[in-house]
Structures are given as C-alpha cells and as structure tokens.
C-alpha cells in the first residue's frame, strides 16, 4: 500500500493497493489495483478496483515527480479510469506546494465506458511527497509477486 497524505488538513489521503500482477512477459504486466480516497470521519471512504498496464502506471506516477512549478497540468494513464490534475501554489512563506486533484472515472466502473464524471479528492502536497509516493509505488510494483497471464485464443 502506498499513501499520499494531505499537508493542509488532518486525515485526507489517497491510497493505492496492488492486488495482483499478471505478467505478459519479462517487461509488461497487467496490474490490478485498488485506489481509495479518505478524508477523516466526515465522508465515507471511496474506493475502486482498476486494471492498468504496469508501464502505464509507472509512467503516470513518475510524471508526478516532474510537475512544472508555473503551470496547471493534467496527468492521466493511457487506459481511462484515473486522472490527476495539478495546480502549483506558493504559500505565505513562498514555498512551492501543489494542489493535486485525483479523479476516479465512475462511468468506466459503472457503465464500462469512460466518462468525465466521478469522485475526486484534492490534496495539498510538496514535490518531495510526490517523489516518495512515486518511488515507493514503483518499488512495491517491482517486488510484487507475479502470476503468468495466459490468454486462450
């Protein structure tokens, strides 16, 4: 489990849990993950299971480590289901933070087709938080036991 926590409030977090990794070959795999949003006891926890190609997930989270300090950005996986919006901000001490909005596509889960609707959470984080999150996710993904994906034709 990898957790990205909000720096501006108590209890808000984004979690990614790797459930299963099914290898196509030595390089590529299908990754079954559960993502969840939690914001204290005020709102219920929201979670969803999704499948992504492993390199797509690594690219998505790795892009978080290279956010631009001067512009709004949208980062998404090639496969629909998860998108991250970033807005850089300076606090009163001129320290750089990012308001990160993480969005789950509910249409993909409910209707099996992508939409632009679904739950989201906004976290205020620093670049170092994103680097730790991304590096830890990649480490866990690399070390997660793999099963061989067999496709019958």
Protein backbone atom coordinates (compact mmCIF):
# COMPACT_ATOMS: atom_id res chain seq x y z
CA UNK A 1 0.00 0.00 0.00
CA UNK A 2 1.23 3.46 -0.93
CA UNK A 3 -0.30 6.56 0.67
CA UNK A 4 -0.17 10.22 -0.36
CA UNK A 5 -1.26 12.44 2.54
CA UNK A 6 -2.55 15.98 2.51
CA UNK A 7 -0.33 18.57 4.23
CA UNK A 8 -3.07 21.14 4.83
CA UNK A 9 -5.67 19.12 6.72
CA UNK A 10 -5.98 16.20 9.08
CA UNK A 11 -6.75 12.79 7.68
CA UNK A 12 -7.16 13.30 3.92
CA UNK A 13 -5.25 10.74 1.88
CA UNK A 14 -5.05 8.86 -1.40
CA UNK A 15 -4.12 5.16 -1.21
CA UNK A 16 -3.08 2.71 -3.89
CA UNK A 17 -3.07 -1.00 -3.08
CA UNK A 18 -1.60 -3.51 -5.51
CA UNK A 19 -3.87 -6.56 -5.53
CA UNK A 20 -2.42 -8.69 -8.30
CA UNK A 21 0.24 -8.51 -11.01
CA UNK A 22 -0.20 -10.76 -14.04
CA UNK A 23 2.89 -10.86 -16.27
CA UNK A 24 2.65 -10.94 -20.07
CA UNK A 25 6.41 -11.29 -20.42
CA UNK A 26 9.57 -10.13 -18.64
CA UNK A 27 8.76 -6.45 -19.21
CA UNK A 28 4.98 -5.96 -19.24
CA UNK A 29 2.23 -6.93 -16.83
CA UNK A 30 -1.39 -6.22 -16.09
CA UNK A 31 -1.76 -4.69 -12.63
CA UNK A 32 -4.96 -4.92 -10.60
CA UNK A 33 -5.04 -2.05 -8.08
CA UNK A 34 -7.49 -0.60 -5.60
CA UNK A 35 -7.43 3.17 -5.24
CA UNK A 36 -9.14 4.88 -2.34
CA UNK A 37 -9.84 8.36 -1.03
CA UNK A 38 -10.21 9.04 2.64
CA UNK A 39 -10.90 12.32 4.38
CA UNK A 40 -11.33 11.73 8.08
CA UNK A 41 -14.65 10.62 9.51
CA UNK A 42 -16.64 13.32 7.70
CA UNK A 43 -17.03 11.41 4.43
CA UNK A 44 -17.11 7.66 3.77
CA UNK A 45 -14.03 6.13 2.18
CA UNK A 46 -14.35 5.84 -1.59
CA UNK A 47 -12.53 3.03 -3.36
CA UNK A 48 -12.46 1.36 -6.75
CA UNK A 49 -10.61 -1.54 -8.33
CA UNK A 50 -8.95 -0.92 -11.69
CA UNK A 51 -6.61 -2.67 -14.12
CA UNK A 52 -3.69 -0.95 -15.81
CA UNK A 53 -0.67 -1.96 -17.82
CA UNK A 54 2.31 -1.80 -15.44
CA UNK A 55 4.39 0.62 -17.51
CA UNK A 56 1.38 2.92 -17.83
CA UNK A 57 1.02 3.14 -14.04
CA UNK A 58 4.74 3.70 -13.53
CA UNK A 59 4.66 6.48 -16.15
CA UNK A 60 1.59 8.07 -14.53
CA UNK A 61 3.10 8.22 -11.05
CA UNK A 62 6.58 9.07 -12.34
CA UNK A 63 5.13 12.12 -14.12
CA UNK A 64 4.10 13.38 -10.69
CA UNK A 65 7.77 13.77 -9.82
CA UNK A 66 8.26 16.25 -12.67
CA UNK A 67 5.39 18.69 -12.24
CA UNK A 68 6.00 22.19 -13.51
CA UNK A 69 6.04 24.93 -10.91
CA UNK A 70 4.46 27.50 -13.21
CA UNK A 71 1.52 25.81 -14.89
CA UNK A 72 -1.63 23.72 -14.36
CA UNK A 73 -1.24 20.14 -15.60
CA UNK A 74 -3.38 17.07 -16.21
CA UNK A 75 -1.73 13.66 -15.99
CA UNK A 76 -3.59 10.51 -16.91
CA UNK A 77 -2.94 6.92 -17.75
CA UNK A 78 -3.37 5.73 -21.35
CA UNK A 79 -6.13 3.47 -20.08
CA UNK A 80 -9.04 5.50 -18.76
CA UNK A 81 -10.08 5.41 -15.13
CA UNK A 82 -7.66 7.60 -13.22
CA UNK A 83 -6.53 11.18 -13.82
CA UNK A 84 -4.53 13.64 -11.74
CA UNK A 85 -4.74 17.41 -12.04
CA UNK A 86 -2.02 19.60 -10.59
CA UNK A 87 -2.07 23.28 -9.75
CA UNK A 88 1.13 24.82 -8.32
CA UNK A 89 0.72 27.30 -5.47
CA UNK A 90 3.01 29.33 -3.24
CA UNK A 91 2.21 29.53 0.46
CA UNK A 92 2.70 32.63 2.59
CA UNK A 93 6.42 31.74 3.00
CA UNK A 94 6.90 31.45 -0.78
CA UNK A 95 7.25 27.66 -0.53
CA UNK A 96 6.03 25.68 -3.54
CA UNK A 97 3.10 23.31 -2.99
CA UNK A 98 0.80 21.54 -5.41
CA UNK A 99 -2.95 21.19 -5.15
CA UNK A 100 -3.42 17.70 -6.58
CA UNK A 101 -6.91 16.62 -7.65
CA UNK A 102 -7.13 12.86 -8.11
CA UNK A 103 -10.19 11.68 -10.00
CA UNK A 104 -11.71 8.21 -10.50
CA UNK A 105 -13.85 7.74 -13.63
CA UNK A 106 -17.13 6.37 -12.26
CA UNK A 107 -18.55 5.84 -15.75
CA UNK A 108 -15.84 3.34 -16.55
CA UNK A 109 -16.65 1.37 -13.41
CA UNK A 110 -20.46 1.59 -13.63
CA UNK A 111 -21.11 1.65 -17.40
CA UNK A 112 -17.87 0.09 -18.70
CA UNK A 113 -17.20 3.20 -20.79
CA UNK A 114 -15.13 6.28 -19.98
CA UNK A 115 -16.85 9.47 -18.88
CA UNK A 116 -15.67 12.65 -17.23
CA UNK A 117 -17.70 12.04 -14.09
CA UNK A 118 -16.70 10.56 -10.79
CA UNK A 119 -15.42 11.19 -7.29
CA UNK A 120 -12.26 13.17 -6.64
CA UNK A 121 -10.11 14.32 -3.76
CA UNK A 122 -7.85 17.35 -3.55
CA UNK A 123 -4.63 17.14 -1.57
CA UNK A 124 -2.06 19.85 -0.93
CA UNK A 125 1.40 18.30 -1.19
CA UNK A 126 5.04 19.15 -1.80
CA UNK A 127 7.14 17.83 -4.65
CA UNK A 128 9.07 15.62 -2.22
CA UNK A 129 5.79 13.94 -1.13
CA UNK A 130 5.08 13.08 -4.77
CA UNK A 131 8.60 11.70 -5.25
CA UNK A 132 8.33 9.47 -2.18
CA UNK A 133 4.87 8.27 -3.29
CA UNK A 134 6.01 7.50 -6.85
CA UNK A 135 9.26 5.79 -5.82
CA UNK A 136 7.52 3.65 -3.21
CA UNK A 137 4.81 2.59 -5.67
CA UNK A 138 7.42 1.57 -8.24
CA UNK A 139 9.44 -0.31 -5.59
CA UNK A 140 6.35 -2.22 -4.44
CA UNK A 141 5.31 -2.98 -8.01
CA UNK A 142 8.74 -4.36 -8.90
CA UNK A 143 8.81 -6.56 -5.78
CA UNK A 144 5.20 -7.76 -6.00
CA UNK A 145 4.85 -11.49 -6.84
CA UNK A 146 3.74 -12.07 -10.40
CA UNK A 147 1.50 -14.69 -11.90
CA UNK A 148 1.80 -15.66 -15.54
CA UNK A 149 -1.02 -14.25 -17.66
CA UNK A 150 -2.27 -16.93 -20.04
CA UNK A 151 -4.53 -15.88 -22.88
CA UNK A 152 -6.55 -18.60 -24.57
CA UNK A 153 -7.33 -18.00 -28.24
